[in-house]
């Protein structure tokens, strides 16, 4: 009976020397008795599916199927794709997250004009931002498990297309209800890249290589909200009017959807292997049974998978201290940015009499800070590589937190700076400049914490990221609504100081995990332990995967 030895990604992807090859071959034994379907007349040529039988463990029966796995240096394995191809996909995924976040804030640039034309109150108009961001928290609960069941690409293509069409509600709608409902639906269907794109990056890049790629992905959701108000503000005060902002969202979303169709293939390993297994089984006329190693001894029921994967983000929030604390920290920083969509018009347009376009330009400071934070990604990568080298080349998630700790210090400083210089008696450039350290700190925090979750939860990183997306989306939906009341009752300085105090409370979080993260991870059933290499974790979606593969291997050995 053939046996299976699980191969690490490191061996599967990079072992090209003879020693590794012999080790792989040693894990398989040629069946003592040939399968009846493999019998060939002397001198005849084997069919392709029959040749594959020799390299997959199993007997090809329902009770003992051939277990399909990646070959050594397999060109279909996303980890083995060329760097050019991986960077093209990474750029498209980052563009997707930028597009979705851009559309969240481009709407805010024309709030004043839209409110006047449709007779909407200030709170009702701002609700269009909050409902859109709330959709960010609803979508991942469905799209994340669907992506792991049917593949990431099909989810990107379908949701991206639907997301594009819902912008027509704002461009053509003539009442508040139409605009608000389509905003909620646009945010829901546009949310897929916020979680699934992070999973797609981990499908292609190993931990040591994905630092800069994940930094771009983590920073894009912060750059979109900065550019959006600038575009929306100037368009709304021009002859084109506030409705043309929705047409711009429609055009940008359509172009992104087309780019996804032509550039981004399927990247999720378990889905690719499942398709290979089905292709081999079809080639044999369904006489020989093949199964992906990720589907071995596991139910593929749609209901069971959706139930398990939809509940896991919430389960992580209540059972994983790492996910809970990082989700709160990210939510505070992210929601503060969205609170500024309501605060900036008050500070700059109402109190300083800026136009809508000029009010949008006030976000430039945050954009400059974001770019400055992104530019330090190579520095963080070098620090991480140095930490890995000191750890015998093994992944060390805490090595992702060096610059995140720096960002944690700058965040409350920048908010106190903005708070106490936002009064009209202070020159307008001073609060605008406060946006630079704010954007800088947010970029460092987001990059570090997202990479930490990817490393710490490896095969469960999509669920961990989904937990943070749901939390930050709910909080970010609330902050813009309460901001006008907060500024009205407390004044500009103390209202923003509330956000600064929240950031100060969260400041110790990255320091806490840098010091005690290893010990906290050792107590988790899902997080990476220091005695295990991240590269050896199979990219699976269910918590039982490793146990199932081990049990199947023991059965084969016993047979």
Protein backbone atom coordinates (compact mmCIF):
# COMPACT_ATOMS: atom_id res chain seq x y z
CA UNK A 1 0.00 0.00 0.00
CA UNK A 2 1.32 3.44 -0.87
CA UNK A 3 1.98 5.83 1.93
CA UNK A 4 2.01 9.60 2.08
CA UNK A 5 4.52 11.81 3.80
CA UNK A 6 3.28 15.41 4.10
CA UNK A 7 5.70 17.70 2.31
CA UNK A 8 6.34 21.17 3.63
CA UNK A 9 6.00 24.14 1.33
CA UNK A 10 9.70 24.63 1.73
CA UNK A 11 10.40 21.14 0.40
CA UNK A 12 7.65 21.29 -2.21
CA UNK A 13 8.70 24.65 -3.54
CA UNK A 14 12.41 25.01 -3.12
CA UNK A 15 14.03 21.61 -2.74
CA UNK A 16 15.88 21.06 -5.97
CA UNK A 17 18.91 19.20 -4.73
CA UNK A 18 19.32 15.44 -4.94
CA UNK A 19 19.02 14.94 -1.21
CA UNK A 20 15.57 16.54 -1.07
CA UNK A 21 14.46 14.58 -4.10
CA UNK A 22 15.53 11.32 -2.50
CA UNK A 23 13.71 12.25 0.67
CA UNK A 24 10.52 12.83 -1.28
CA UNK A 25 10.85 9.58 -3.17
CA UNK A 26 11.50 7.71 0.05
CA UNK A 27 8.05 8.73 1.26
CA UNK A 28 6.32 6.61 -1.39
CA UNK A 29 6.34 2.88 -1.97
CA UNK A 30 5.32 1.35 -5.25
CA UNK A 31 2.14 -0.72 -4.80
CA UNK A 32 2.96 -4.39 -4.33
CA UNK A 33 0.11 -5.34 -6.63
CA UNK A 34 -0.74 -3.26 -9.68
CA UNK A 35 -4.19 -1.79 -9.85
CA UNK A 36 -6.36 -3.67 -12.37
CA UNK A 37 -6.99 -0.49 -14.32
CA UNK A 38 -3.26 0.14 -14.59
CA UNK A 39 -2.60 -3.11 -16.42
CA UNK A 40 -1.26 -2.45 -19.88
CA UNK A 41 -0.32 -4.81 -22.71
CA UNK A 42 3.42 -5.17 -23.14
CA UNK A 43 4.88 -2.29 -25.13
CA UNK A 44 1.73 -0.17 -24.94
CA UNK A 45 1.89 3.43 -23.83
CA UNK A 46 0.33 4.42 -20.53
CA UNK A 47 -2.38 7.05 -20.54
CA UNK A 48 -1.65 10.34 -18.73
CA UNK A 49 -3.95 9.55 -15.79
CA UNK A 50 -2.32 6.12 -15.44
CA UNK A 51 1.13 7.70 -15.28
CA UNK A 52 -0.13 9.99 -12.50
CA UNK A 53 -1.19 6.94 -10.49
CA UNK A 54 2.47 6.08 -9.92
CA UNK A 55 3.21 9.34 -8.08
CA UNK A 56 0.09 9.63 -5.93
CA UNK A 57 -0.41 7.44 -2.85
CA UNK A 58 -3.53 5.30 -2.69
CA UNK A 59 -5.27 2.60 -4.73
CA UNK A 60 -7.76 4.65 -6.74
CA UNK A 61 -10.81 3.16 -5.04
CA UNK A 62 -13.57 4.82 -3.04
CA UNK A 63 -12.15 3.43 0.19
CA UNK A 64 -8.56 4.25 -0.72
CA UNK A 65 -8.48 7.01 -3.38
CA UNK A 66 -5.36 8.43 -4.96
CA UNK A 67 -4.39 11.46 -2.87
CA UNK A 68 -3.48 14.35 -5.17
CA UNK A 69 -0.69 16.65 -3.99
CA UNK A 70 1.71 19.14 -5.55
CA UNK A 71 4.63 17.69 -7.46
CA UNK A 72 8.18 18.81 -6.77
CA UNK A 73 8.57 22.21 -8.47
CA UNK A 74 4.99 21.98 -9.78
CA UNK A 75 4.43 24.93 -12.19
CA UNK A 76 0.73 25.04 -11.25
CA UNK A 77 1.58 25.63 -7.59
CA UNK A 78 1.12 29.39 -6.98
CA UNK A 79 4.28 29.46 -4.86
CA UNK A 80 6.25 28.45 -7.97
CA UNK A 81 4.89 31.14 -10.26
CA UNK A 82 7.34 33.72 -11.58
CA UNK A 83 7.89 36.87 -9.57
CA UNK A 84 6.60 38.97 -12.47
CA UNK A 85 3.30 37.11 -12.47
CA UNK A 86 2.97 37.26 -8.68
CA UNK A 87 3.67 40.99 -8.62
CA UNK A 88 1.11 41.63 -11.37
CA UNK A 89 -1.50 39.76 -9.33
CA UNK A 90 -0.43 41.56 -6.15
CA UNK A 91 -0.79 44.94 -7.88
CA UNK A 92 -4.28 44.05 -9.09
CA UNK A 93 -5.36 42.88 -5.63
CA UNK A 94 -4.00 46.05 -4.03
CA UNK A 95 -5.86 48.09 -6.65
CA UNK A 96 -9.04 46.26 -5.70
CA UNK A 97 -8.72 47.21 -2.04
CA UNK A 98 -7.85 50.79 -3.05
CA UNK A 99 -10.91 50.98 -5.33
CA UNK A 100 -13.30 49.76 -2.65
CA UNK A 101 -11.98 52.19 -0.05
CA UNK A 102 -11.84 55.06 -2.56
CA UNK A 103 -15.55 54.60 -3.25
CA UNK A 104 -16.27 54.73 0.47
CA UNK A 105 -14.97 58.29 0.77
CA UNK A 106 -15.47 59.80 -2.69
CA UNK A 107 -19.14 60.01 -1.66
CA UNK A 108 -18.27 62.27 1.28
CA UNK A 109 -16.86 65.01 -0.96
CA UNK A 110 -20.32 65.95 -2.19
CA UNK A 111 -22.33 65.63 1.03
CA UNK A 112 -23.22 69.33 1.17
CA UNK A 113 -24.42 69.51 -2.43
CA UNK A 114 -26.30 66.22 -2.25
CA UNK A 115 -27.99 67.17 1.03
CA UNK A 116 -29.21 70.46 -0.44
CA UNK A 117 -30.62 68.85 -3.60
CA UNK A 118 -32.28 65.84 -1.93
CA UNK A 119 -33.28 67.66 1.29
CA UNK A 120 -31.29 65.30 3.50
CA UNK A 121 -30.18 66.11 7.02
CA UNK A 122 -26.47 66.09 7.89
CA UNK A 123 -26.78 62.82 9.82
CA UNK A 124 -28.79 61.15 7.05
CA UNK A 125 -26.21 62.16 4.44
CA UNK A 126 -23.32 60.84 6.56
CA UNK A 127 -25.27 57.60 6.94
CA UNK A 128 -24.27 56.85 3.34
CA UNK A 129 -20.67 56.52 4.53
CA UNK A 130 -21.60 54.45 7.59
CA UNK A 131 -23.82 52.00 5.70
CA UNK A 132 -21.15 51.49 3.05
CA UNK A 133 -18.53 50.70 5.71
CA UNK A 134 -21.01 48.49 7.56
CA UNK A 135 -21.23 46.44 4.37
CA UNK A 136 -17.49 45.81 4.75
CA UNK A 137 -18.33 43.84 7.89
CA UNK A 138 -21.22 41.88 6.40
CA UNK A 139 -19.67 40.71 3.13
CA UNK A 140 -16.62 38.84 4.48
CA UNK A 141 -18.84 36.56 6.57
CA UNK A 142 -20.13 35.05 3.33
CA UNK A 143 -17.42 35.76 0.76
CA UNK A 144 -14.50 34.42 2.81
CA UNK A 145 -15.94 30.87 3.13
CA UNK A 146 -17.25 30.98 -0.45
CA UNK A 147 -13.74 31.83 -1.62
CA UNK A 148 -12.30 28.82 0.17
CA UNK A 149 -15.04 26.54 -1.15
CA UNK A 150 -15.26 27.62 -4.80
CA UNK A 151 -12.06 29.61 -5.23
CA UNK A 152 -11.02 33.19 -4.72
CA UNK A 153 -11.15 34.24 -8.37
CA UNK A 154 -14.84 33.48 -8.95
CA UNK A 155 -15.74 35.45 -5.82
CA UNK A 156 -13.62 38.42 -6.94
CA UNK A 157 -15.15 38.44 -10.42
CA UNK A 158 -18.80 38.10 -9.39
CA UNK A 159 -18.75 40.45 -6.42
CA UNK A 160 -16.65 43.01 -8.29
CA UNK A 161 -19.15 43.09 -11.15
CA UNK A 162 -22.14 43.48 -8.83
CA UNK A 163 -20.27 46.11 -6.81
CA UNK A 164 -19.77 48.14 -9.98
CA UNK A 165 -23.47 48.14 -10.88
CA UNK A 166 -24.64 49.41 -7.49
CA UNK A 167 -22.88 52.74 -8.05
CA UNK A 168 -25.59 53.48 -10.60
CA UNK A 169 -27.97 53.88 -7.67
CA UNK A 170 -26.22 57.06 -6.63
CA UNK A 171 -25.67 58.29 -10.17
CA UNK A 172 -29.32 57.87 -11.17
CA UNK A 173 -31.24 57.82 -7.86
CA UNK A 174 -33.54 60.70 -6.96
CA UNK A 175 -34.25 60.04 -3.29
CA UNK A 176 -32.33 59.32 -0.11
CA UNK A 177 -33.66 55.76 0.25
CA UNK A 178 -32.28 54.67 -3.15
CA UNK A 179 -28.88 56.14 -2.45
CA UNK A 180 -28.57 54.70 1.07
CA UNK A 181 -29.72 51.19 0.13
CA UNK A 182 -27.39 50.98 -2.87
CA UNK A 183 -24.54 52.29 -0.70
CA UNK A 184 -25.06 49.45 1.77
CA UNK A 185 -25.20 46.87 -1.01
CA UNK A 186 -22.15 48.35 -2.77
CA UNK A 187 -20.13 48.13 0.45
CA UNK A 188 -21.26 44.55 1.03
CA UNK A 189 -20.33 43.27 -2.44
CA UNK A 190 -17.19 45.38 -2.56
CA UNK A 191 -15.82 43.88 0.65
CA UNK A 192 -14.42 40.65 -0.83
CA UNK A 193 -10.89 42.02 -1.49
CA UNK A 194 -10.57 43.24 2.10
CA UNK A 195 -10.23 39.65 3.36
CA UNK A 196 -9.84 37.36 0.35
CA UNK A 197 -7.03 39.43 -1.17
CA UNK A 198 -4.94 38.88 1.96
CA UNK A 199 -5.52 35.16 1.63
CA UNK A 200 -4.55 35.30 -2.04
CA UNK A 201 -1.23 36.92 -1.13
CA UNK A 202 -0.49 34.16 1.37
CA UNK A 203 -1.34 31.66 -1.39
CA UNK A 204 1.56 32.95 -3.51
CA UNK A 205 4.21 34.41 -1.23
CA UNK A 206 6.07 32.57 1.51
CA UNK A 207 6.49 34.41 4.82
CA UNK A 208 10.00 35.65 4.11
CA UNK A 209 9.03 37.09 0.73
CA UNK A 210 5.61 38.61 1.30
CA UNK A 211 6.58 41.55 3.52
CA UNK A 212 6.41 44.32 0.90
CA UNK A 213 3.48 42.71 -0.94
CA UNK A 214 1.38 42.57 2.23
CA UNK A 215 2.46 46.14 3.09
CA UNK A 216 0.98 47.39 -0.18
CA UNK A 217 -2.19 45.42 0.47
CA UNK A 218 -2.47 46.76 4.04
CA UNK A 219 -1.83 50.39 3.04
CA UNK A 220 -4.22 50.53 0.08
CA UNK A 221 -7.39 50.69 2.24
CA UNK A 222 -5.93 53.81 3.90
CA UNK A 223 -4.96 55.57 0.68
CA UNK A 224 -8.39 55.20 -0.93
CA UNK A 225 -10.21 57.19 1.77
CA UNK A 226 -7.60 59.96 1.39
CA UNK A 227 -7.94 60.33 -2.38
CA UNK A 228 -11.74 59.96 -2.38
CA UNK A 229 -12.69 63.23 -0.65
CA UNK A 230 -10.30 65.20 -2.86
CA UNK A 231 -11.83 63.85 -6.07
CA UNK A 232 -15.39 63.99 -4.77
CA UNK A 233 -14.99 67.50 -3.39
CA UNK A 234 -13.69 69.12 -6.57
CA UNK A 235 -16.10 67.23 -8.82
CA UNK A 236 -19.08 68.19 -6.65
CA UNK A 237 -18.32 71.93 -6.73
CA UNK A 238 -17.73 71.87 -10.50
CA UNK A 239 -20.36 71.98 -13.24
CA UNK A 240 -20.38 68.17 -13.25
CA UNK A 241 -22.09 68.07 -9.86
CA UNK A 242 -22.12 65.52 -7.04
CA UNK A 243 -23.72 62.78 -9.17
CA UNK A 244 -20.64 62.60 -11.38
CA UNK A 245 -18.72 61.33 -8.33
CA UNK A 246 -20.81 58.17 -8.58
CA UNK A 247 -20.01 57.90 -12.28
CA UNK A 248 -16.31 58.11 -11.41
CA UNK A 249 -16.82 55.30 -8.86
CA UNK A 250 -18.60 53.28 -11.54
CA UNK A 251 -15.79 53.77 -14.08
CA UNK A 252 -13.00 52.97 -11.61
CA UNK A 253 -14.83 49.88 -10.34
CA UNK A 254 -15.53 48.65 -13.88
CA UNK A 255 -11.88 49.00 -14.88
CA UNK A 256 -10.82 47.14 -11.75
CA UNK A 257 -13.31 44.33 -12.45
CA UNK A 258 -11.92 43.94 -15.98
CA UNK A 259 -8.36 43.90 -14.64
CA UNK A 260 -9.34 41.13 -12.23
CA UNK A 261 -10.82 39.05 -15.06
CA UNK A 262 -7.70 39.31 -17.21
CA UNK A 263 -4.92 39.34 -14.60
CA UNK A 264 -5.88 37.44 -11.46
CA UNK A 265 -6.16 33.63 -11.76
CA UNK A 266 -7.20 31.19 -9.07
CA UNK A 267 -4.56 31.12 -6.33
CA UNK A 268 -6.07 28.98 -3.57
CA UNK A 269 -4.09 25.73 -3.39
CA UNK A 270 -6.85 23.41 -2.08
CA UNK A 271 -9.21 24.51 -4.87
CA UNK A 272 -6.51 24.04 -7.53
CA UNK A 273 -5.73 20.54 -6.26
CA UNK A 274 -9.44 19.71 -6.10
CA UNK A 275 -9.77 20.71 -9.74
CA UNK A 276 -6.77 18.57 -10.64
CA UNK A 277 -8.32 15.60 -8.87
CA UNK A 278 -11.59 16.05 -10.75
CA UNK A 279 -9.73 16.39 -14.05
CA UNK A 280 -7.81 13.16 -13.45
CA UNK A 281 -10.94 11.33 -12.41
CA UNK A 282 -12.76 12.55 -15.52
CA UNK A 283 -9.84 11.46 -17.72
CA UNK A 284 -10.13 7.94 -16.29
CA UNK A 285 -13.80 7.81 -17.12
CA UNK A 286 -14.52 8.04 -13.39
CA UNK A 287 -13.19 4.51 -12.98
CA UNK A 288 -10.36 5.71 -10.75
CA UNK A 289 -11.03 7.87 -7.71
CA UNK A 290 -8.83 10.88 -6.94
CA UNK A 291 -9.13 13.30 -4.04
CA UNK A 292 -7.17 16.38 -3.02
CA UNK A 293 -5.14 15.89 0.14
CA UNK A 294 -7.05 18.81 1.65
CA UNK A 295 -10.39 17.07 1.10
CA UNK A 296 -9.29 13.70 2.45
CA UNK A 297 -11.67 12.32 5.10
CA UNK A 298 -13.52 15.60 5.35
CA UNK A 299 -17.10 16.53 4.58
CA UNK A 300 -17.55 18.80 1.58
CA UNK A 301 -21.12 19.69 2.53
CA UNK A 302 -21.87 23.30 1.59
CA UNK A 303 -23.91 23.80 4.75
CA UNK A 304 -21.24 22.43 7.09
CA UNK A 305 -18.48 24.47 5.45
CA UNK A 306 -20.47 27.71 5.53
CA UNK A 307 -21.51 27.12 9.13
CA UNK A 308 -17.95 26.43 10.22
CA UNK A 309 -16.24 29.21 8.29
CA UNK A 310 -18.87 31.88 9.00
CA UNK A 311 -18.68 31.24 12.73
CA UNK A 312 -14.87 31.13 12.96
CA UNK A 313 -14.25 34.93 12.79
CA UNK A 314 -16.64 35.42 15.72
CA UNK A 315 -15.14 32.45 17.53
CA UNK A 316 -11.68 33.96 17.14
CA UNK A 317 -12.86 37.25 18.65
CA UNK A 318 -13.99 35.50 21.82
CA UNK A 319 -11.36 32.76 22.13
CA UNK A 320 -8.17 34.26 20.67
CA UNK A 321 -6.70 37.17 22.71
CA UNK A 322 -4.37 38.06 19.85
CA UNK A 323 -7.23 38.50 17.39
CA UNK A 324 -9.42 40.35 19.90
CA UNK A 325 -6.82 42.94 20.93
CA UNK A 326 -5.50 43.50 17.42
CA UNK A 327 -9.06 43.82 16.08
CA UNK A 328 -9.82 46.50 18.69
CA UNK A 329 -6.61 48.38 17.91
CA UNK A 330 -7.15 48.30 14.14
CA UNK A 331 -10.79 49.29 14.64
CA UNK A 332 -9.87 52.38 16.67
CA UNK A 333 -7.31 53.58 14.12
CA UNK A 334 -9.48 52.77 11.09
CA UNK A 335 -12.67 54.23 12.58
CA UNK A 336 -10.87 57.45 13.50
CA UNK A 337 -10.01 57.91 9.83
CA UNK A 338 -13.69 57.55 8.91
CA UNK A 339 -14.68 59.87 11.76
CA UNK A 340 -12.61 62.50 9.95
CA UNK A 341 -15.04 62.33 7.01
CA UNK A 342 -17.55 64.01 9.32
CA UNK A 343 -15.01 66.01 11.35
CA UNK A 344 -13.03 67.60 8.51
CA UNK A 345 -16.09 69.34 6.96
CA UNK A 346 -16.83 70.77 10.41
CA UNK A 347 -13.26 71.90 11.10
CA UNK A 348 -12.36 73.19 7.64
CA UNK A 349 -15.61 73.95 5.79
CA UNK A 350 -17.91 75.18 8.55
CA UNK A 351 -15.38 76.87 10.81
CA UNK A 352 -12.76 77.98 8.25
CA UNK A 353 -15.14 78.39 5.28
CA UNK A 354 -13.25 76.08 2.91
CA UNK A 355 -15.05 74.99 -0.26
CA UNK A 356 -15.81 71.29 -0.81
CA UNK A 357 -12.76 70.90 -3.01
CA UNK A 358 -10.50 72.73 -0.57
CA UNK A 359 -11.90 70.66 2.29
CA UNK A 360 -10.93 67.51 0.41
CA UNK A 361 -7.37 68.77 0.05
CA UNK A 362 -7.09 68.78 3.84
CA UNK A 363 -6.73 65.01 3.60
CA UNK A 364 -3.45 65.36 1.71
CA UNK A 365 -1.48 65.31 4.94
CA UNK A 366 -2.83 61.86 5.76
CA UNK A 367 -1.95 60.67 2.25
CA UNK A 368 1.63 61.91 2.53
CA UNK A 369 1.95 60.14 5.87
CA UNK A 370 0.60 56.89 4.40
CA UNK A 371 3.18 56.98 1.62
CA UNK A 372 5.92 57.70 4.14
CA UNK A 373 4.82 54.68 6.18
CA UNK A 374 4.75 52.48 3.09
CA UNK A 375 8.25 53.61 2.12
CA UNK A 376 9.56 52.08 5.37
CA UNK A 377 8.31 48.61 4.42
CA UNK A 378 11.80 47.55 3.17
CA UNK A 379 13.24 48.59 6.54
CA UNK A 380 10.71 46.45 8.36
CA UNK A 381 11.51 43.57 6.02
CA UNK A 382 15.21 43.73 6.86
CA UNK A 383 14.41 43.77 10.58
CA UNK A 384 12.16 40.76 10.08
CA UNK A 385 14.79 38.84 8.12
CA UNK A 386 17.34 39.57 10.84
CA UNK A 387 14.90 38.22 13.45
CA UNK A 388 14.36 35.08 11.35
CA UNK A 389 18.11 34.52 11.00
CA UNK A 390 18.49 34.74 14.77
CA UNK A 391 15.67 32.20 15.08
CA UNK A 392 17.41 29.57 12.91
CA UNK A 393 15.49 30.68 9.84
CA UNK A 394 12.12 29.94 11.39
CA UNK A 395 9.17 32.31 11.20
CA UNK A 396 8.88 34.65 14.17
CA UNK A 397 5.64 36.69 13.99
CA UNK A 398 6.84 39.16 16.62
CA UNK A 399 9.50 40.26 14.14
CA UNK A 400 6.73 42.06 12.24
CA UNK A 401 6.06 44.49 15.11
CA UNK A 402 9.18 46.69 15.20
CA UNK A 403 7.81 49.63 13.22
CA UNK A 404 4.28 48.93 14.42
CA UNK A 405 5.45 49.92 17.90
CA UNK A 406 6.77 53.18 16.46
CA UNK A 407 3.41 53.81 14.82
CA UNK A 408 1.65 53.13 18.10
CA UNK A 409 3.52 56.03 19.71
CA UNK A 410 2.87 58.48 16.88
CA UNK A 411 -0.88 57.80 16.60
CA UNK A 412 -2.07 59.51 19.83
CA UNK A 413 0.51 62.29 19.37
CA UNK A 414 -0.88 63.11 15.91
CA UNK A 415 -4.48 63.11 17.17
CA UNK A 416 -3.71 65.41 20.11
CA UNK A 417 -1.83 67.64 17.65
CA UNK A 418 -4.88 67.85 15.37
CA UNK A 419 -7.28 68.28 18.28
CA UNK A 420 -5.63 71.29 19.85
CA UNK A 421 -4.75 73.10 16.62
CA UNK A 422 -8.12 72.71 14.88
CA UNK A 423 -9.61 75.98 16.14
CA UNK A 424 -9.89 78.79 13.53
CA UNK A 425 -7.40 80.94 15.45
CA UNK A 426 -4.61 78.54 14.42
CA UNK A 427 -3.41 78.64 10.81
CA UNK A 428 -5.04 75.91 8.70
CA UNK A 429 -1.72 74.36 7.68
CA UNK A 430 -1.01 73.25 11.25
CA UNK A 431 -3.92 70.75 11.59
CA UNK A 432 -3.33 69.65 7.98
CA UNK A 433 0.28 68.82 8.87
CA UNK A 434 -1.00 66.79 11.83
CA UNK A 435 -2.36 64.39 9.24
CA UNK A 436 1.18 63.38 8.23
CA UNK A 437 2.08 61.58 11.50
CA UNK A 438 -1.48 60.24 11.64
CA UNK A 439 -1.24 58.65 8.19
CA UNK A 440 2.33 57.52 8.92
CA UNK A 441 1.32 55.79 12.16
CA UNK A 442 -1.79 54.19 10.65
CA UNK A 443 0.25 52.75 7.78
CA UNK A 444 2.83 51.25 10.15
CA UNK A 445 0.18 49.86 12.48
CA UNK A 446 -1.89 48.31 9.70
CA UNK A 447 1.11 46.79 7.93
CA UNK A 448 2.59 45.30 11.10
CA UNK A 449 -0.62 43.90 12.55
CA UNK A 450 -1.87 42.37 9.29
CA UNK A 451 1.50 40.69 8.71
CA UNK A 452 1.53 39.52 12.31
CA UNK A 453 -1.87 37.86 11.85
CA UNK A 454 -0.71 36.24 8.59
CA UNK A 455 2.34 34.75 10.29
CA UNK A 456 0.73 33.87 13.61
CA UNK A 457 -2.36 32.16 12.13
CA UNK A 458 -0.94 30.94 8.80
CA UNK A 459 -3.67 28.60 7.49
CA UNK A 460 -6.33 30.48 9.47
CA UNK A 461 -5.16 33.99 8.54
CA UNK A 462 -8.24 34.65 6.38
CA UNK A 463 -10.49 34.03 9.39
CA UNK A 464 -8.25 36.12 11.65
CA UNK A 465 -8.24 39.01 9.15
CA UNK A 466 -12.02 38.64 8.70
CA UNK A 467 -12.40 39.12 12.47
CA UNK A 468 -10.54 42.42 12.28
CA UNK A 469 -12.45 43.54 9.18
CA UNK A 470 -15.83 42.87 10.82
CA UNK A 471 -14.81 44.69 14.00
CA UNK A 472 -13.27 47.71 12.32
CA UNK A 473 -16.21 48.02 9.91
CA UNK A 474 -18.81 48.08 12.69
CA UNK A 475 -16.84 50.66 14.67
CA UNK A 476 -16.06 52.71 11.55
CA UNK A 477 -19.79 52.75 10.73
CA UNK A 478 -20.55 54.26 14.15
CA UNK A 479 -17.83 56.90 14.43
CA UNK A 480 -18.95 59.13 11.51
CA UNK A 481 -22.50 59.20 12.87
CA UNK A 482 -21.51 60.27 16.38
CA UNK A 483 -18.83 62.73 15.25
CA UNK A 484 -21.14 65.72 14.49
CA UNK A 485 -22.82 65.35 17.89
CA UNK A 486 -19.46 64.91 19.59
CA UNK A 487 -18.04 68.04 17.96
CA UNK A 488 -21.22 69.98 18.65
CA UNK A 489 -21.26 69.16 22.36
CA UNK A 490 -17.55 69.04 23.23
CA UNK A 491 -16.02 71.41 20.73
CA UNK A 492 -13.32 70.67 18.17
CA UNK A 493 -10.44 70.14 20.60
CA UNK A 494 -12.06 67.81 23.13
CA UNK A 495 -14.03 65.90 20.51
CA UNK A 496 -10.88 64.82 18.68
CA UNK A 497 -9.14 64.28 22.02
CA UNK A 498 -11.61 61.46 22.69
CA UNK A 499 -10.14 59.58 19.72
CA UNK A 500 -6.64 60.46 20.90
CA UNK A 501 -7.29 58.99 24.34
CA UNK A 502 -8.61 55.78 22.75
CA UNK A 503 -5.44 55.54 20.65
CA UNK A 504 -3.30 56.12 23.76
CA UNK A 505 -5.07 53.26 25.56
CA UNK A 506 -4.30 50.93 22.62
CA UNK A 507 -0.67 52.09 22.31
CA UNK A 508 0.79 49.27 24.50
CA UNK A 509 -0.77 46.48 22.38
CA UNK A 510 2.15 45.91 19.93
CA UNK A 511 4.63 46.19 22.82
CA UNK A 512 2.62 43.57 24.72
CA UNK A 513 2.72 41.07 21.86
CA UNK A 514 6.36 41.77 21.10
CA UNK A 515 7.20 40.79 24.67
CA UNK A 516 4.66 38.06 25.40
CA UNK A 517 3.37 37.08 21.95
CA UNK A 518 5.29 33.81 21.84
CA UNK A 519 3.83 32.70 25.18
CA UNK A 520 0.29 33.74 24.16
CA UNK A 521 0.58 31.85 20.88
CA UNK A 522 1.71 28.73 22.73
CA UNK A 523 -1.66 28.67 24.54
CA UNK A 524 -3.67 28.85 21.32
CA UNK A 525 -5.03 25.88 19.37
CA UNK A 526 -4.85 27.82 16.11
CA UNK A 527 -1.83 30.11 16.30
CA UNK A 528 1.67 29.12 15.22
CA UNK A 529 3.83 27.66 17.99
CA UNK A 530 7.55 28.32 18.11
CA UNK A 531 8.37 24.62 17.75
CA UNK A 532 6.62 24.47 14.37
CA UNK A 533 7.73 26.04 11.10
CA UNK A 534 5.15 28.20 9.36
CA UNK A 535 6.16 26.81 5.97
CA UNK A 536 5.19 23.33 7.10
CA UNK A 537 1.55 24.24 7.67
CA UNK A 538 -0.65 23.03 4.77
CA UNK A 539 -2.81 25.82 3.31
CA UNK A 540 -6.14 24.45 4.52
CA UNK A 541 -9.31 26.10 5.70
CA UNK A 542 -10.55 23.75 8.43
CA UNK A 543 -9.09 23.33 11.87
CA UNK A 544 -9.15 19.57 11.48
CA UNK A 545 -7.03 19.46 8.33
CA UNK A 546 -3.71 18.53 9.89
CA UNK A 547 -5.32 15.90 12.09
CA UNK A 548 -7.21 14.42 9.13
CA UNK A 549 -4.06 14.17 7.01
CA UNK A 550 -2.14 12.58 9.86
CA UNK A 551 -4.92 10.06 10.50
CA UNK A 552 -5.12 9.20 6.80
CA UNK A 553 -1.36 8.72 6.68
CA UNK A 554 -1.48 6.36 9.67
CA UNK A 555 -4.22 4.33 8.01
CA UNK A 556 -2.18 4.00 4.82
CA UNK A 557 0.92 2.98 6.74
CA UNK A 558 -1.08 0.41 8.68
CA UNK A 559 -2.47 -0.91 5.41
